Amino acid sequence: MGFIAKGEEQNELINPDKELVKAADDLVFELKIDDLVLKQLIMTFTVADNKGSKITDLEPYLGSAGHVVIVSGKMEEFLHAHHKDDPFDINIPDK
């Protein structure tokens, strides 16, 4: 049984964000992505305060310390992954 979305399909372009450092309130978030090797993608997220001090005492949300959503360029494939170890270690499944 699948999910059926109602409404008209919209073919909007995805514009990848080239800036992998973002600030919100008094926090700074940085994402580093290692090269894809043997279908394993390693993503390292760093959270720091606005003075550069790393924040490591993150509270789990919905049972995990981190959540990532990866969507294909044509928005036809979707992967939701959770924090496994440090760094974020995501195994990309076979089709």
N, C-alpha and C. Protein backbone atom coordinates (compact mmCIF):
# COMPACT_ATOMS: atom_id res chain seq x y z
N MET A 1 0.85 -1.17 0.00
CA MET A 1 0.00 0.00 0.00
C MET A 1 0.89 1.23 0.00
N GLY A 2 0.66 2.13 -0.90
CA GLY A 2 1.48 3.33 -1.01
C GLY A 2 0.71 4.57 -0.67
N PHE A 3 1.40 5.65 -0.62
CA PHE A 3 0.82 6.95 -0.34
C PHE A 3 0.47 7.61 -1.66
N ILE A 4 -0.72 8.13 -1.79
CA ILE A 4 -1.14 8.81 -3.02
C ILE A 4 -1.39 10.27 -2.68
N ALA A 5 -0.62 11.14 -3.32
CA ALA A 5 -0.78 12.57 -3.11
C ALA A 5 -1.76 13.12 -4.14
N LYS A 6 -2.66 13.96 -3.71
CA LYS A 6 -3.64 14.55 -4.61
C LYS A 6 -3.14 15.91 -5.07
N GLY A 7 -3.61 16.33 -6.22
CA GLY A 7 -3.23 17.62 -6.75
C GLY A 7 -2.42 17.46 -8.01
N GLU A 8 -2.12 18.57 -8.64
CA GLU A 8 -1.36 18.54 -9.89
C GLU A 8 0.13 18.41 -9.61
N GLU A 9 0.81 17.65 -10.48
CA GLU A 9 2.25 17.50 -10.36
C GLU A 9 2.93 18.81 -10.75
N GLN A 10 3.93 19.18 -9.99
CA GLN A 10 4.68 20.40 -10.29
C GLN A 10 6.12 20.00 -10.54
N ASN A 11 6.65 20.43 -11.63
CA ASN A 11 8.04 20.11 -12.00
C ASN A 11 8.94 21.30 -11.70
N GLU A 12 9.19 21.51 -10.44
CA GLU A 12 10.05 22.61 -10.05
C GLU A 12 11.50 22.15 -10.04
N LEU A 13 12.39 23.03 -10.42
CA LEU A 13 13.81 22.70 -10.45
C LEU A 13 14.38 22.72 -9.04
N ILE A 14 15.32 21.82 -8.80
CA ILE A 14 16.05 21.82 -7.54
C ILE A 14 17.35 22.57 -7.77
N ASN A 15 17.60 23.55 -6.96
CA ASN A 15 18.84 24.31 -7.05
C ASN A 15 19.70 23.95 -5.84
N PRO A 16 20.70 23.09 -6.04
CA PRO A 16 21.55 22.70 -4.91
C PRO A 16 22.18 23.92 -4.24
N ASP A 17 22.18 23.89 -2.93
CA ASP A 17 22.76 24.97 -2.15
C ASP A 17 24.27 24.75 -2.09
N LYS A 18 25.03 25.69 -2.57
CA LYS A 18 26.50 25.57 -2.58
C LYS A 18 27.11 25.96 -1.23
N GLU A 19 26.39 26.72 -0.45
CA GLU A 19 26.88 27.16 0.86
C GLU A 19 26.46 26.15 1.91
N LEU A 20 27.42 25.48 2.53
CA LEU A 20 27.12 24.42 3.48
C LEU A 20 27.31 24.86 4.93
N VAL A 21 27.34 26.17 5.15
CA VAL A 21 27.39 26.73 6.49
C VAL A 21 26.19 27.67 6.62
N LYS A 22 25.39 27.45 7.64
CA LYS A 22 24.19 28.26 7.86
C LYS A 22 24.15 28.74 9.31
N ALA A 23 23.59 29.91 9.52
CA ALA A 23 23.43 30.45 10.87
C ALA A 23 21.94 30.64 11.14
N ALA A 24 21.54 30.30 12.35
CA ALA A 24 20.17 30.50 12.80
C ALA A 24 20.22 30.88 14.28
N ASP A 25 19.64 31.99 14.60
CA ASP A 25 19.69 32.52 15.96
C ASP A 25 21.15 32.62 16.38
N ASP A 26 21.54 31.98 17.46
CA ASP A 26 22.92 32.04 17.94
C ASP A 26 23.71 30.79 17.59
N LEU A 27 23.23 30.00 16.62
CA LEU A 27 23.90 28.75 16.26
C LEU A 27 24.43 28.80 14.83
N VAL A 28 25.50 28.06 14.59
CA VAL A 28 26.09 27.92 13.27
C VAL A 28 26.13 26.44 12.94
N PHE A 29 25.60 26.06 11.78
CA PHE A 29 25.55 24.67 11.34
C PHE A 29 26.44 24.52 10.11
N GLU A 30 27.28 23.48 10.12
CA GLU A 30 28.15 23.23 8.98
C GLU A 30 28.02 21.77 8.56
N LEU A 31 27.96 21.54 7.25
CA LEU A 31 27.89 20.20 6.69
C LEU A 31 29.11 19.96 5.83
N LYS A 32 29.79 18.84 6.07
CA LYS A 32 30.90 18.41 5.23
C LYS A 32 30.53 17.05 4.66
N ILE A 33 30.71 16.89 3.36
CA ILE A 33 30.35 15.63 2.69
C ILE A 33 31.61 15.04 2.08
N ASP A 34 31.95 13.81 2.51
CA ASP A 34 33.07 13.10 1.91
C ASP A 34 32.63 12.53 0.57
N ASP A 35 33.59 12.20 -0.27
CA ASP A 35 33.26 11.60 -1.56
C ASP A 35 32.51 10.30 -1.36
N LEU A 36 31.64 10.00 -2.31
CA LEU A 36 30.87 8.77 -2.29
C LEU A 36 31.80 7.61 -2.65
N VAL A 37 32.01 6.70 -1.71
CA VAL A 37 32.91 5.57 -1.93
C VAL A 37 32.15 4.29 -1.58
N LEU A 38 32.12 3.35 -2.51
CA LEU A 38 31.47 2.06 -2.28
C LEU A 38 30.06 2.21 -1.73
N LYS A 39 29.30 3.11 -2.31
CA LYS A 39 27.91 3.37 -1.95
C LYS A 39 27.74 3.82 -0.50
N GLN A 40 28.76 4.39 0.08
CA GLN A 40 28.65 4.90 1.44
C GLN A 40 28.98 6.39 1.41
N LEU A 41 28.06 7.17 1.93
CA LEU A 41 28.22 8.61 1.97
C LEU A 41 28.41 9.02 3.42
N ILE A 42 29.48 9.72 3.69
CA ILE A 42 29.72 10.17 5.07
C ILE A 42 29.50 11.67 5.12
N MET A 43 28.54 12.04 5.96
CA MET A 43 28.20 13.44 6.15
C MET A 43 28.54 13.82 7.59
N THR A 44 29.27 14.89 7.76
CA THR A 44 29.63 15.34 9.09
C THR A 44 28.97 16.69 9.36
N PHE A 45 28.10 16.72 10.36
CA PHE A 45 27.43 17.94 10.75
C PHE A 45 28.12 18.49 11.99
N THR A 46 28.39 19.77 11.99
CA THR A 46 28.96 20.43 13.16
C THR A 46 28.01 21.54 13.58
N VAL A 47 27.70 21.57 14.86
CA VAL A 47 26.86 22.63 15.42
C VAL A 47 27.73 23.39 16.41
N ALA A 48 27.75 24.70 16.27
CA ALA A 48 28.56 25.54 17.16
C ALA A 48 27.77 26.78 17.53
N ASP A 49 28.20 27.42 18.61
CA ASP A 49 27.57 28.70 18.93
C ASP A 49 28.23 29.78 18.08
N ASN A 50 27.73 31.00 18.17
CA ASN A 50 28.25 32.06 17.30
C ASN A 50 29.67 32.51 17.65
N LYS A 51 30.26 31.93 18.71
CA LYS A 51 31.65 32.21 19.06
C LYS A 51 32.57 31.10 18.59
N GLY A 52 31.99 30.06 17.96
CA GLY A 52 32.79 28.96 17.41
C GLY A 52 32.94 27.76 18.32
N SER A 53 32.35 27.78 19.50
CA SER A 53 32.43 26.63 20.42
C SER A 53 31.47 25.55 19.96
N LYS A 54 31.99 24.32 19.76
CA LYS A 54 31.15 23.22 19.31
C LYS A 54 30.13 22.84 20.37
N ILE A 55 28.93 22.50 19.91
CA ILE A 55 27.86 22.04 20.78
C ILE A 55 27.70 20.54 20.54
N THR A 56 27.85 19.76 21.60
CA THR A 56 27.81 18.30 21.46
C THR A 56 26.71 17.64 22.27
N ASP A 57 26.04 18.38 23.12
CA ASP A 57 25.01 17.79 23.97
C ASP A 57 23.62 17.96 23.34
N LEU A 58 23.48 17.45 22.11
CA LEU A 58 22.20 17.56 21.40
C LEU A 58 21.19 16.58 21.96
N GLU A 59 19.97 17.01 22.06
CA GLU A 59 18.90 16.16 22.56
C GLU A 59 18.26 15.41 21.38
N PRO A 60 18.08 14.10 21.52
CA PRO A 60 17.44 13.34 20.42
C PRO A 60 16.06 13.88 20.08
N TYR A 61 15.72 13.84 18.81
CA TYR A 61 14.41 14.25 18.32
C TYR A 61 13.79 13.06 17.61
N LEU A 62 12.62 12.65 18.02
CA LEU A 62 11.95 11.47 17.47
C LEU A 62 12.87 10.24 17.51
N GLY A 63 13.61 10.11 18.62
CA GLY A 63 14.42 8.93 18.84
C GLY A 63 15.79 8.92 18.20
N SER A 64 16.21 10.00 17.56
CA SER A 64 17.53 10.01 16.92
C SER A 64 18.20 11.36 17.13
N ALA A 65 19.53 11.32 17.18
CA ALA A 65 20.29 12.55 17.34
C ALA A 65 20.31 13.38 16.06
N GLY A 66 19.97 12.75 14.94
CA GLY A 66 19.96 13.49 13.69
C GLY A 66 19.11 12.82 12.64
N HIS A 67 18.56 13.61 11.74
CA HIS A 67 17.75 13.12 10.64
C HIS A 67 18.24 13.79 9.36
N VAL A 68 18.30 13.03 8.27
CA VAL A 68 18.70 13.57 6.97
C VAL A 68 17.72 13.07 5.93
N VAL A 69 17.33 13.95 5.03
CA VAL A 69 16.51 13.57 3.89
C VAL A 69 17.30 13.90 2.63
N ILE A 70 17.44 12.90 1.77
CA ILE A 70 18.14 13.08 0.49
C ILE A 70 17.11 12.81 -0.61
N VAL A 71 17.00 13.74 -1.56
CA VAL A 71 16.04 13.60 -2.65
C VAL A 71 16.82 13.65 -3.96
N SER A 72 16.46 12.76 -4.90
CA SER A 72 17.13 12.73 -6.19
C SER A 72 16.84 14.02 -6.97
N GLY A 73 17.69 14.30 -7.95
CA GLY A 73 17.56 15.51 -8.75
C GLY A 73 16.23 15.64 -9.44
N LYS A 74 15.63 14.52 -9.84
CA LYS A 74 14.33 14.56 -10.49
C LYS A 74 13.18 14.40 -9.50
N MET A 75 13.53 14.37 -8.23
CA MET A 75 12.56 14.23 -7.13
C MET A 75 11.73 12.96 -7.28
N GLU A 76 12.36 11.90 -7.77
CA GLU A 76 11.68 10.62 -7.93
C GLU A 76 12.08 9.62 -6.84
N GLU A 77 13.21 9.87 -6.20
CA GLU A 77 13.69 8.97 -5.15
C GLU A 77 13.94 9.76 -3.87
N PHE A 78 13.72 9.10 -2.74
CA PHE A 78 13.75 9.75 -1.45
C PHE A 78 14.43 8.81 -0.45
N LEU A 79 15.36 9.34 0.34
CA LEU A 79 16.03 8.55 1.36
C LEU A 79 15.99 9.33 2.66
N HIS A 80 15.48 8.69 3.70
CA HIS A 80 15.45 9.29 5.04
C HIS A 80 16.39 8.45 5.90
N ALA A 81 17.40 9.08 6.46
CA ALA A 81 18.40 8.35 7.24
C ALA A 81 18.54 8.99 8.62
N HIS A 82 19.03 8.18 9.56
CA HIS A 82 19.25 8.64 10.92
C HIS A 82 20.72 8.55 11.29
N HIS A 83 21.07 9.31 12.28
CA HIS A 83 22.43 9.30 12.82
C HIS A 83 22.75 7.90 13.32
N LYS A 84 23.88 7.38 12.88
CA LYS A 84 24.30 6.05 13.32
C LYS A 84 25.49 6.18 14.27
N ASP A 85 26.50 6.82 13.82
CA ASP A 85 27.71 7.07 14.60
C ASP A 85 28.15 8.49 14.29
N ASP A 86 29.29 8.85 14.81
CA ASP A 86 29.86 10.14 14.48
C ASP A 86 31.05 9.88 13.57
N PRO A 87 31.10 10.34 12.36
CA PRO A 87 30.14 11.24 11.71
C PRO A 87 28.90 10.52 11.22
N PHE A 88 27.98 11.27 10.66
CA PHE A 88 26.75 10.73 10.08
C PHE A 88 27.14 9.76 8.98
N ASP A 89 26.76 8.51 9.10
CA ASP A 89 27.18 7.44 8.20
C ASP A 89 25.95 6.89 7.50
N ILE A 90 25.83 7.13 6.18
CA ILE A 90 24.63 6.74 5.45
C ILE A 90 24.99 5.71 4.41
N ASN A 91 24.33 4.56 4.44
CA ASN A 91 24.48 3.55 3.41
C ASN A 91 23.39 3.73 2.37
N ILE A 92 23.78 3.88 1.12
CA ILE A 92 22.83 4.09 0.04
C ILE A 92 22.37 2.75 -0.47
N PRO A 93 21.07 2.45 -0.41
CA PRO A 93 20.58 1.13 -0.80
C PRO A 93 20.66 0.91 -2.30
N ASP A 94 20.73 -0.39 -2.70
CA ASP A 94 20.66 -0.74 -4.10
C ASP A 94 19.25 -0.47 -4.59
N LYS A 95 19.13 -0.25 -5.90
CA LYS A 95 17.80 -0.06 -6.48
C LYS A 95 17.12 -1.37 -6.65
